[in-house]
PDB file of N, CA and C in Angstrom:
ATOM      1  N   MET A   1       0.874  -1.506  -0.026  1.00  0.00           N
ATOM      2  CA  MET A   1      -0.369   0.036   0.165  1.00  0.00           C
ATOM      3  C   MET A   1       0.810   1.834   0.021  1.00  0.00           C
ATOM      4  N   ASN A   2       0.674   2.131  -1.163  1.00  0.00           N
ATOM      5  CA  ASN A   2       1.686   3.474  -1.201  1.00  0.00           C
ATOM      6  C   ASN A   2       1.060   4.641  -0.134  1.00  0.00           C
ATOM      7  N   ALA A   3       2.104   5.634   0.000  1.00  0.00           N
ATOM      8  CA  ALA A   3       1.481   6.244   1.187  1.00  0.00           C
ATOM      9  C   ALA A   3       0.533   7.140   0.840  1.00  0.00           C
ATOM     10  N   GLU A   4       0.195   7.169  -0.072  1.00  0.00           N
ATOM     11  CA  GLU A   4      -1.235   8.275  -0.324  1.00  0.00           C
ATOM     12  C   GLU A   4      -2.647   7.430  -0.448  1.00  0.00           C
ATOM     13  N   GLU A   5      -2.302   5.951  -0.834  1.00  0.00           N
ATOM     14  CA  GLU A   5      -3.599   5.390  -0.134  1.00  0.00           C
ATOM     15  C   GLU A   5      -3.525   4.612   1.870  1.00  0.00           C
ATOM     16  N   ARG A   6      -2.405   4.439   2.390  1.00  0.00           N
ATOM     17  CA  ARG A   6      -2.400   4.885   4.053  1.00  0.00           C
ATOM     18  C   ARG A   6      -3.136   6.051   4.156  1.00  0.00           C
ATOM     19  N   ARG A   7      -2.494   7.043   4.009  1.00  0.00           N
ATOM     20  CA  ARG A   7      -3.636   8.483   4.304  1.00  0.00           C
ATOM     21  C   ARG A   7      -4.875   8.614   3.429  1.00  0.00           C
ATOM     22  N   ALA A   8      -5.619   8.197   2.973  1.00  0.00           N
ATOM     23  CA  ALA A   8      -6.949   7.874   2.580  1.00  0.00           C
ATOM     24  C   ALA A   8      -7.402   6.970   3.436  1.00  0.00           C
ATOM     25  N   LEU A   9      -6.930   5.644   4.292  1.00  0.00           N
ATOM     26  CA  LEU A   9      -7.572   5.201   4.756  1.00  0.00           C
ATOM     27  C   LEU A   9      -7.241   5.513   5.963  1.00  0.00           C
ATOM     28  N   ARG A  10      -6.478   5.874   6.185  1.00  0.00           N
ATOM     29  CA  ARG A  10      -6.128   6.705   8.130  1.00  0.00           C
ATOM     30  C   ARG A  10      -7.316   7.660   8.443  1.00  0.00           C
ATOM     31  N   GLU A  11      -7.705   8.501   6.815  1.00  0.00           N
ATOM     32  CA  GLU A  11      -8.837   9.612   6.635  1.00  0.00           C
ATOM     33  C   GLU A  11     -10.220   9.530   6.974  1.00  0.00           C
ATOM     34  N   ARG A  12     -10.185   8.318   5.837  1.00  0.00           N
ATOM     35  CA  ARG A  12     -11.586   6.853   6.212  1.00  0.00           C
ATOM     36  C   ARG A  12     -12.122   7.142   7.867  1.00  0.00           C
ATOM     37  N   GLU A  13     -10.575   6.517   7.944  1.00  0.00           N
ATOM     38  CA  GLU A  13     -10.359   5.612   9.567  1.00  0.00           C
ATOM     39  C   GLU A  13     -11.106   7.087  10.693  1.00  0.00           C
ATOM     40  N   GLN A  14     -10.933   7.989  10.371  1.00  0.00           N
ATOM     41  CA  GLN A  14     -10.881   9.275  11.579  1.00  0.00           C
ATOM     42  C   GLN A  14     -12.389   9.040  11.086  1.00  0.00           C
ATOM     43  N   TRP A  15     -12.569   9.731   9.972  1.00  0.00           N
ATOM     44  CA  TRP A  15     -13.910  10.248   9.610  1.00  0.00           C
ATOM     45  C   TRP A  15     -15.265   9.105  10.127  1.00  0.00           C
ATOM     46  N   ARG A  16     -14.533   7.947  10.771  1.00  0.00           N
ATOM     47  CA  ARG A  16     -15.458   7.104  10.666  1.00  0.00           C
ATOM     48  C   ARG A  16     -15.702   7.387  12.212  1.00  0.00           C
ATOM     49  N   GLN A  17     -14.533   7.550  12.851  1.00  0.00           N
ATOM     50  CA  GLN A  17     -14.853   7.523  14.660  1.00  0.00           C
ATOM     51  C   GLN A  17     -15.212   8.974  14.638  1.00  0.00           C
ATOM     52  N   LEU A  18     -15.328   9.912  13.903  1.00  0.00           N
ATOM     53  CA  LEU A  18     -16.122  10.632  14.600  1.00  0.00           C
ATOM     54  C   LEU A  18     -17.290  10.991  14.499  1.00  0.00           C
ATOM     55  N   ARG A  19     -17.805   9.605  13.366  1.00  0.00           N
ATOM     56  CA  ARG A  19     -19.161   9.782  13.167  1.00  0.00           C
ATOM     57  C   ARG A  19     -19.782   9.175  14.188  1.00  0.00           C
ATOM     58  N   LEU A  20     -19.180   8.062  14.270  1.00  0.00           N
ATOM     59  CA  LEU A  20     -19.338   7.040  15.732  1.00  0.00           C
ATOM     60  C   LEU A  20     -19.785   7.862  16.644  1.00  0.00           C
ATOM     61  N   LYS A  21     -18.529   8.450  17.442  1.00  0.00           N
ATOM     62  CA  LYS A  21     -18.896   9.397  18.456  1.00  0.00           C
ATOM     63  C   LYS A  21     -20.026  10.244  18.245  1.00  0.00           C
ATOM     64  N   ARG A  22     -20.246  10.800  17.435  1.00  0.00           N
ATOM     65  CA  ARG A  22     -21.371  12.294  17.095  1.00  0.00           C
ATOM     66  C   ARG A  22     -22.509  11.170  17.195  1.00  0.00           C
ATOM     67  N   GLU A  23     -22.648   9.752  17.048  1.00  0.00           N
ATOM     68  CA  GLU A  23     -23.986   9.245  17.397  1.00  0.00           C
ATOM     69  C   GLU A  23     -24.163   8.838  18.673  1.00  0.00           C
ATOM     70  N   ALA A  24     -22.578   8.393  19.160  1.00  0.00           N
ATOM     71  CA  ALA A  24     -22.692   8.157  20.712  1.00  0.00           C
ATOM     72  C   ALA A  24     -23.691   9.532  21.288  1.00  0.00           C
ATOM     73  N   GLU A  25     -22.581  10.701  21.319  1.00  0.00           N
ATOM     74  CA  GLU A  25     -23.052  11.830  21.497  1.00  0.00           C
ATOM     75  C   GLU A  25     -24.653  11.635  21.663  1.00  0.00           C
ATOM     76  N   ASP A  26     -25.450  11.953  19.985  1.00  0.00           N
ATOM     77  CA  ASP A  26     -26.821  11.550  19.776  1.00  0.00           C
ATOM     78  C   ASP A  26     -27.755  10.927  21.230  1.00  0.00           C
ATOM     79  N   ALA A  27     -27.086   9.684  20.935  1.00  0.00           N
ATOM     80  CA  ALA A  27     -28.306   8.675  22.136  1.00  0.00           C
ATOM     81  C   ALA A  27     -27.886   9.345  23.383  1.00  0.00           C
ATOM     82  N   LEU A  28     -27.074   9.557  23.571  1.00  0.00           N
ATOM     83  CA  LEU A  28     -27.127   9.901  25.345  1.00  0.00           C
ATOM     84  C   LEU A  28     -28.117  11.857  25.259  1.00  0.00           C
ATOM     85  N   ARG A  29     -27.494  12.446  24.138  1.00  0.00           N
ATOM     86  CA  ARG A  29     -28.764  13.380  24.617  1.00  0.00           C
ATOM     87  C   ARG A  29     -30.062  13.248  24.163  1.00  0.00           C
ATOM     88  N   GLN A  30     -30.660  12.040  23.971  1.00  0.00           N
ATOM     89  CA  GLN A  30     -31.293  11.581  23.178  1.00  0.00           C
ATOM     90  C   GLN A  30     -32.140  10.710  24.370  1.00  0.00           C
ATOM     91  N   SER A  31     -31.529  10.219  25.139  1.00  0.00           N
ATOM     92  CA  SER A  31     -31.893   9.833  26.596  1.00  0.00           C
ATOM     93  C   SER A  31     -32.410  10.451  27.522  1.00  0.00           C
ATOM     94  N   GLY A  32     -31.488  11.576  27.672  1.00  0.00           N
ATOM     95  CA  GLY A  32     -31.505  12.678  28.406  1.00  0.00           C
ATOM     96  C   GLY A  32     -31.026  12.759  29.675  1.00  0.00           C
ATOM     97  N   LEU A  33     -29.727  11.830  29.850  1.00  0.00           N
ATOM     98  CA  LEU A  33     -29.417  11.518  30.792  1.00  0.00           C
ATOM     99  C   LEU A  33     -28.065  12.855  30.901  1.00  0.00           C
ATOM    100  N   GLN A  34     -28.160  13.555  31.503  1.00  0.00           N
ATOM    101  CA  GLN A  34     -27.088  14.317  32.700  1.00  0.00           C
ATOM    102  C   GLN A  34     -25.745  13.690  33.174  1.00  0.00           C
ATOM    103  N   LEU A  35     -24.773  13.308  32.763  1.00  0.00           N
ATOM    104  CA  LEU A  35     -23.559  12.802  33.038  1.00  0.00           C
ATOM    105  C   LEU A  35     -22.812  13.311  32.606  1.00  0.00           C
ATOM    106  N   GLU A  36     -21.163  12.958  34.353  1.00  0.00           N
ATOM    107  CA  GLU A  36     -20.439  13.907  34.514  1.00  0.00           C
ATOM    108  C   GLU A  36     -19.317  13.005  33.184  1.00  0.00           C
ATOM    109  N   ALA A  37     -18.299  13.323  33.667  1.00  0.00           N
ATOM    110  CA  ALA A  37     -17.018  13.278  31.855  1.00  0.00           C
ATOM    111  C   ALA A  37     -17.355  11.715  32.143  1.00  0.00           C
ATOM    112  N   GLU A  38     -16.894  10.890  33.223  1.00  0.00           N
ATOM    113  CA  GLU A  38     -16.226  10.181  33.286  1.00  0.00           C
ATOM    114  C   GLU A  38     -17.267   8.877  33.147  1.00  0.00           C
ATOM    115  N   ARG A  39     -18.580   9.015  33.837  1.00  0.00           N
ATOM    116  CA  ARG A  39     -19.643   8.375  33.240  1.00  0.00           C
ATOM    117  C   ARG A  39     -20.023   8.270  32.060  1.00  0.00           C
ATOM    118  N   ARG A  40     -19.541   9.397  31.456  1.00  0.00           N
ATOM    119  CA  ARG A  40     -20.293   9.982  29.550  1.00  0.00           C
ATOM    120  C   ARG A  40     -19.195   9.248  28.776  1.00  0.00           C
ATOM    121  N   ALA A  41     -18.302   9.004  29.577  1.00  0.00           N
ATOM    122  CA  ALA A  41     -17.154   8.054  28.139  1.00  0.00           C
ATOM    123  C   ALA A  41     -17.598   7.060  28.595  1.00  0.00           C
ATOM    124  N   ILE A  42     -17.705   6.233  29.875  1.00  0.00           N
ATOM    125  CA  ILE A  42     -18.126   5.017  30.302  1.00  0.00           C
ATOM    126  C   ILE A  42     -19.186   4.454  29.268  1.00  0.00           C
ATOM    127  N   TYR A  43     -20.565   5.432  29.335  1.00  0.00           N
ATOM    128  CA  TYR A  43     -21.680   5.603  28.277  1.00  0.00           C
ATOM    129  C   TYR A  43     -21.184   5.237  26.963  1.00  0.00           C
ATOM    130  N   GLU A  44     -20.523   6.435  26.520  1.00  0.00           N
ATOM    131  CA  GLU A  44     -19.994   6.304  24.683  1.00  0.00           C
ATOM    132  C   GLU A  44     -19.568   4.713  24.142  1.00  0.00           C
ATOM    133  N   ARG A  45     -19.004   4.735  25.572  1.00  0.00           N
ATOM    134  CA  ARG A  45     -18.040   3.193  25.360  1.00  0.00           C
ATOM    135  C   ARG A  45     -19.098   1.970  25.209  1.00  0.00           C
ATOM    136  N   ARG A  46     -19.739   1.888  26.177  1.00  0.00           N
ATOM    137  CA  ARG A  46     -21.348   1.455  26.336  1.00  0.00           C
ATOM    138  C   ARG A  46     -21.525   1.042  24.931  1.00  0.00           C
ATOM    139  N   TYR A  47     -22.343   2.208  24.662  1.00  0.00           N
ATOM    140  CA  TYR A  47     -22.868   2.561  23.424  1.00  0.00           C
ATOM    141  C   TYR A  47     -22.255   1.689  22.218  1.00  0.00           C
ATOM    142  N   LEU A  48     -21.277   2.144  22.004  1.00  0.00           N
ATOM    143  CA  LEU A  48     -20.082   1.858  20.706  1.00  0.00           C
ATOM    144  C   LEU A  48     -20.262  -0.159  20.829  1.00  0.00           C
ATOM    145  N   GLU A  49     -20.048  -0.580  21.846  1.00  0.00           N
ATOM    146  CA  GLU A  49     -20.031  -1.941  22.185  1.00  0.00           C
ATOM    147  C   GLU A  49     -20.906  -2.140  21.752  1.00  0.00           C
ATOM    148  N   GLU A  50     -22.461  -2.069  22.171  1.00  0.00           N
ATOM    149  CA  GLU A  50     -23.317  -2.559  21.765  1.00  0.00           C
ATOM    150  C   GLU A  50     -23.743  -2.395  20.539  1.00  0.00           C
ATOM    151  N   ARG A  51     -23.657  -1.327  19.527  1.00  0.00           N
ATOM    152  CA  ARG A  51     -23.733  -0.755  18.266  1.00  0.00           C
ATOM    153  C   ARG A  51     -23.159  -2.146  17.469  1.00  0.00           C
ATOM    154  N   ARG A  52     -22.116  -2.228  18.308  1.00  0.00           N
ATOM    155  CA  ARG A  52     -20.912  -2.737  17.510  1.00  0.00           C
ATOM    156  C   ARG A  52     -21.936  -3.883  17.046  1.00  0.00           C
ATOM    157  N   ARG A  53     -22.238  -5.081  18.525  1.00  0.00           N
ATOM    158  CA  ARG A  53     -22.804  -6.421  18.746  1.00  0.00           C
ATOM    159  C   ARG A  53     -24.006  -6.578  17.584  1.00  0.00           C
ATOM    160  N   VAL A  54     -24.434  -4.830  18.010  1.00  0.00           N
ATOM    161  CA  VAL A  54     -26.272  -5.404  16.659  1.00  0.00           C
ATOM    162  C   VAL A  54     -25.487  -5.658  15.781  1.00  0.00           C
ATOM    163  N   GLU A  55     -24.758  -4.372  14.872  1.00  0.00           N
ATOM    164  CA  GLU A  55     -24.331  -4.294  13.536  1.00  0.00           C
ATOM    165  C   GLU A  55     -23.979  -5.843  13.078  1.00  0.00           C
ATOM    166  N   GLN A  56     -22.651  -6.701  13.893  1.00  0.00           N
ATOM    167  CA  GLN A  56     -22.160  -7.506  13.502  1.00  0.00           C
ATOM    168  C   GLN A  56     -23.807  -9.154  13.625  1.00  0.00           C
ATOM    169  N   SER A  57     -24.655  -8.726  14.334  1.00  0.00           N
ATOM    170  CA  SER A  57     -25.756  -9.538  14.415  1.00  0.00           C
ATOM    171  C   SER A  57     -26.529  -9.268  13.369  1.00  0.00           C
ATOM    172  N   LEU A  58     -26.520  -7.906  12.951  1.00  0.00           N
ATOM    173  CA  LEU A  58     -27.979  -7.845  11.318  1.00  0.00           C
ATOM    174  C   LEU A  58     -26.944  -7.803   9.723  1.00  0.00           C
ATOM    175  N   SER A  59     -25.342  -8.214  10.397  1.00  0.00           N
ATOM    176  CA  SER A  59     -24.571  -8.190   9.313  1.00  0.00           C
ATOM    177  C   SER A  59     -24.231  -9.660   8.718  1.00  0.00           C
ATOM    178  N   ARG A  60     -24.688 -10.506   9.721  1.00  0.00           N
ATOM    179  CA  ARG A  60     -24.476 -11.863  10.055  1.00  0.00           C
ATOM    180  C   ARG A  60     -26.011 -12.758   9.676  1.00  0.00           C
ATOM    181  N   GLU A  61     -27.223 -12.028   9.802  1.00  0.00           N
ATOM    182  CA  GLU A  61     -28.870 -12.320   9.439  1.00  0.00           C
ATOM    183  C   GLU A  61     -29.305 -12.180   8.146  1.00  0.00           C
ATOM    184  N   LEU A  62     -28.727 -10.981   7.388  1.00  0.00           N
ATOM    185  CA  LEU A  62     -27.984 -10.735   6.355  1.00  0.00           C
ATOM    186  C   LEU A  62     -27.482 -11.264   5.187  1.00  0.00           C
ATOM    187  N   ARG A  63     -26.500 -12.066   5.718  1.00  0.00           N
ATOM    188  CA  ARG A  63     -25.673 -12.602   5.115  1.00  0.00           C
ATOM    189  C   ARG A  63     -26.045 -14.352   4.613  1.00  0.00           C
ATOM    190  N   GLU A  64     -27.004 -14.740   6.122  1.00  0.00           N
ATOM    191  CA  GLU A  64     -27.348 -15.713   6.363  1.00  0.00           C
ATOM    192  C   GLU A  64     -28.916 -16.062   5.304  1.00  0.00           C
ATOM    193  N   LYS A  65     -29.377 -14.553   5.031  1.00  0.00           N
ATOM    194  CA  LYS A  65     -30.858 -14.073   4.556  1.00  0.00           C
ATOM    195  C   LYS A  65     -30.238 -14.460   3.224  1.00  0.00           C
ATOM    196  N   ARG A  66     -29.023 -14.462   2.565  1.00  0.00           N
ATOM    197  CA  ARG A  66     -28.784 -14.281   1.304  1.00  0.00           C
ATOM    198  C   ARG A  66     -28.115 -15.172   0.285  1.00  0.00           C
ATOM    199  N   GLN A  67     -27.505 -15.731   1.665  1.00  0.00           N
ATOM    200  CA  GLN A  67     -27.433 -17.185   1.365  1.00  0.00           C
ATOM    201  C   GLN A  67     -28.319 -17.805   0.714  1.00  0.00           C
ATOM    202  N   ARG A  68     -29.717 -17.985   1.551  1.00  0.00           N
ATOM    203  CA  ARG A  68     -30.765 -18.592   1.314  1.00  0.00           C
ATOM    204  C   ARG A  68     -31.831 -18.020   0.124  1.00  0.00           C
ATOM    205  N   GLU A  69     -31.190 -16.588  -0.029  1.00  0.00           N
ATOM    206  CA  GLU A  69     -32.746 -16.733  -1.348  1.00  0.00           C
ATOM    207  C   GLU A  69     -31.052 -16.868  -2.327  1.00  0.00           C
ATOM    208  N   LEU A  70     -30.005 -16.730  -2.111  1.00  0.00           N
ATOM    209  CA  LEU A  70     -29.605 -16.931  -3.373  1.00  0.00           C
ATOM    210  C   LEU A  70     -28.938 -18.917  -3.918  1.00  0.00           C
ATOM    211  N   ALA A  71     -29.639 -19.638  -2.886  1.00  0.00           N
ATOM    212  CA  ALA A  71     -29.827 -20.909  -3.414  1.00  0.00           C
ATOM    213  C   ALA A  71     -30.645 -21.323  -4.234  1.00  0.00           C
ATOM    214  N   PRO A  72     -32.073 -20.973  -4.290  1.00  0.00           N
ATOM    215  CA  PRO A  72     -32.778 -21.227  -5.279  1.00  0.00           C
ATOM    216  C   PRO A  72     -31.977 -20.976  -6.559  1.00  0.00           C
ATOM    217  N   VAL A  73     -31.482 -19.448  -6.627  1.00  0.00           N
ATOM    218  CA  VAL A  73     -31.565 -18.718  -8.098  1.00  0.00           C
ATOM    219  C   VAL A  73     -30.159 -19.669  -8.719  1.00  0.00           C
ATOM    220  N   VAL A  74     -28.945 -20.259  -7.993  1.00  0.00           N
ATOM    221  CA  VAL A  74     -28.104 -20.799  -8.103  1.00  0.00           C
ATOM    222  C   VAL A  74     -28.296 -22.230  -8.288  1.00  0.00           C
ATOM    223  N   GLU A  75     -29.495 -22.953  -8.242  1.00  0.00           N
ATOM    224  CA  GLU A  75     -30.355 -24.586  -8.840  1.00  0.00           C
ATOM    225  C   GLU A  75     -30.705 -24.159 -10.115  1.00  0.00           C
ATOM    226  N   ARG A  76     -31.641 -22.293 -10.312  1.00  0.00           N
ATOM    227  CA  ARG A  76     -32.710 -22.379 -11.168  1.00  0.00           C
ATOM    228  C   ARG A  76     -31.219 -22.365 -12.666  1.00  0.00           C
ATOM    229  N   LEU A  77     -30.523 -21.483 -12.344  1.00  0.00           N
ATOM    230  CA  LEU A  77     -29.161 -21.352 -13.516  1.00  0.00           C
ATOM    231  C   LEU A  77     -28.468 -22.152 -13.676  1.00  0.00           C
ATOM    232  N   LYS A  78     -27.853 -22.884 -12.207  1.00  0.00           N
ATOM    233  CA  LYS A  78     -27.585 -24.445 -12.827  1.00  0.00           C
ATOM    234  C   LYS A  78     -28.367 -25.334 -13.756  1.00  0.00           C
ATOM    235  N   SER A  79     -29.389 -25.772 -13.660  1.00  0.00           N
ATOM    236  CA  SER A  79     -30.176 -26.224 -14.391  1.00  0.00           C
ATOM    237  C   SER A  79     -30.742 -25.882 -15.834  1.00  0.00           C
ATOM    238  N   GLU A  80     -30.974 -24.583 -16.171  1.00  0.00           N
ATOM    239  CA  GLU A  80     -31.020 -23.612 -17.060  1.00  0.00           C
ATOM    240  C   GLU A  80     -29.373 -23.394 -17.667  1.00  0.00           C
ATOM    241  N   PHE A  81     -28.757 -23.968 -17.096  1.00  0.00           N
ATOM    242  CA  PHE A  81     -27.255 -23.703 -17.890  1.00  0.00           C
ATOM    243  C   PHE A  81     -26.855 -24.797 -18.652  1.00  0.00           C
ATOM    244  N   SER A  82     -27.352 -26.113 -17.545  1.00  0.00           N
ATOM    245  CA  SER A  82     -27.008 -27.222 -17.886  1.00  0.00           C
ATOM    246  C   SER A  82     -27.738 -27.902 -18.937  1.00  0.00           C
ATOM    247  N   GLN A  83     -28.754 -26.730 -19.904  1.00  0.00           N
ATOM    248  CA  GLN A  83     -29.070 -27.928 -20.512  1.00  0.00           C
ATOM    249  C   GLN A  83     -28.924 -27.569 -22.026  1.00  0.00           C
ATOM    250  N   PRO A  84     -28.790 -28.115 -23.041  1.00  0.00           N
ATOM    251  CA  PRO A  84     -27.598 -28.085 -24.208  1.00  0.00           C
ATOM    252  C   PRO A  84     -28.643 -26.229 -24.725  1.00  0.00           C
ATOM    253  N   GLN A  85     -28.060 -25.425 -25.791  1.00  0.00           N
ATOM    254  CA  GLN A  85     -28.459 -24.230 -25.994  1.00  0.00           C
ATOM    255  C   GLN A  85     -28.917 -24.590 -27.262  1.00  0.00           C
ATOM    256  N   SER A  86     -30.285 -24.112 -27.378  1.00  0.00           N
ATOM    257  CA  SER A  86     -30.977 -24.289 -28.775  1.00  0.00           C
ATOM    258  C   SER A  86     -30.356 -22.473 -29.448  1.00  0.00           C
ATOM    259  N   SER A  87     -31.456 -22.376 -30.916  1.00  0.00           N
ATOM    260  CA  SER A  87     -31.168 -21.355 -31.479  1.00  0.00           C
ATOM    261  C   SER A  87     -31.543 -19.753 -30.736  1.00  0.00           C
ATOM    262  N   ALA A  88     -32.824 -20.079 -29.741  1.00  0.00           N
ATOM    263  CA  ALA A  88     -33.272 -18.900 -28.780  1.00  0.00           C
ATOM    264  C   ALA A  88     -33.294 -19.446 -27.380  1.00  0.00           C
ATOM    265  N   SER A  89     -32.283 -19.314 -27.151  1.00  0.00           N
ATOM    266  CA  SER A  89     -31.551 -19.890 -25.943  1.00  0.00           C
ATOM    267  C   SER A  89     -32.185 -18.554 -24.933  1.00  0.00           C
ATOM    268  N   PRO A  90     -32.321 -18.513 -23.484  1.00  0.00           N
ATOM    269  CA  PRO A  90     -33.113 -17.816 -22.495  1.00  0.00           C
ATOM    270  C   PRO A  90     -32.382 -16.755 -22.252  1.00  0.00           C
ATOM    271  N   ALA A  91     -30.914 -16.454 -22.837  1.00  0.00           N
ATOM    272  CA  ALA A  91     -30.247 -15.097 -22.199  1.00  0.00           C
ATOM    273  C   ALA A  91     -30.624 -14.488 -23.410  1.00  0.00           C
ATOM    274  N   THR A  92     -31.196 -15.358 -25.046  1.00  0.00           N
ATOM    275  CA  THR A  92     -31.477 -13.922 -25.585  1.00  0.00           C
ATOM    276  C   THR A  92     -32.747 -14.401 -26.211  1.00  0.00           C
ATOM    277  N   LYS A  93     -33.617 -14.496 -25.416  1.00  0.00           N
ATOM    278  CA  LYS A  93     -34.498 -13.730 -25.040  1.00  0.00           C
ATOM    279  C   LYS A  93     -35.388 -12.910 -24.511  1.00  0.00           C
ATOM    280  N   PRO A  94     -36.103 -11.911 -24.859  1.00  0.00           N
ATOM    281  CA  PRO A  94     -36.090 -11.024 -23.957  1.00  0.00           C
ATOM    282  C   PRO A  94     -36.638 -10.898 -22.947  1.00  0.00           C
ATOM    283  N   SER A  95     -36.419 -11.597 -21.849  1.00  0.00           N
ATOM    284  CA  SER A  95     -37.663 -11.106 -20.473  1.00  0.00           C
ATOM    285  C   SER A  95     -38.618 -10.142 -20.150  1.00  0.00           C
ATOM    286  N   ALA A  96     -39.645 -10.699 -19.586  1.00  0.00           N
ATOM    287  CA  ALA A  96     -40.783 -10.282 -19.130  1.00  0.00           C
ATOM    288  C   ALA A  96     -40.763  -8.651 -18.070  1.00  0.00           C
ATOM    289  N   SER A  97     -39.562  -8.809 -17.649  1.00  0.00           N
ATOM    290  CA  SER A  97     -38.490  -7.702 -16.585  1.00  0.00           C
ATOM    291  C   SER A  97     -38.411  -6.246 -17.672  1.00  0.00           C
ATOM    292  N   SER A  98     -38.691  -6.614 -18.647  1.00  0.00           N
ATOM    293  CA  SER A  98     -37.959  -6.044 -20.173  1.00  0.00           C
ATOM    294  C   SER A  98     -38.322  -4.979 -20.906  1.00  0.00           C
ATOM    295  N   SER A  99     -39.793  -5.865 -21.078  1.00  0.00           N
ATOM    296  CA  SER A  99     -40.195  -5.166 -22.063  1.00  0.00           C
ATOM    297  C   SER A  99     -40.914  -3.647 -20.808  1.00  0.00           C
ATOM    298  N   PRO A 100     -40.937  -2.790 -22.004  1.00  0.00           N
ATOM    299  CA  PRO A 100     -41.823  -1.840 -21.951  1.00  0.00           C
ATOM    300  C   PRO A 100     -43.380  -2.112 -20.858  1.00  0.00           C
ATOM    301  N   ALA A 101     -43.644  -1.249 -19.871  1.00  0.00           N
ATOM    302  CA  ALA A 101     -44.913  -1.430 -19.369  1.00  0.00           C
ATOM    303  C   ALA A 101     -46.100  -0.679 -20.125  1.00  0.00           C
ATOM    304  N   LYS A 102     -47.400  -1.777 -19.877  1.00  0.00           N
ATOM    305  CA  LYS A 102     -48.340  -0.991 -21.027  1.00  0.00           C
ATOM    306  C   LYS A 102     -49.383  -0.315 -20.067  1.00  0.00           C
TER     307      LYS A 102
END
């Protein structure tokens, strides 16, 4: 990775950290809590930990859903492409979804 790529990566990470800090501050403000500096820092740290846990869970769920929904697609394509090609193969036929709506 060259110096420019490292700098860009560092800037993106700084921007991400700033965005997360702002979101933690917004969550604290929305909660209505008035905390001293030490407890505020603990709140922000816990918010970020819980957020990370939620994001990991959502990512895992999305990955699993994608796999479930792609399995039938792969099977359909396998079936479609395992058949000998004819002069009017499905790839050359216009699909119903690409035809103009009336």
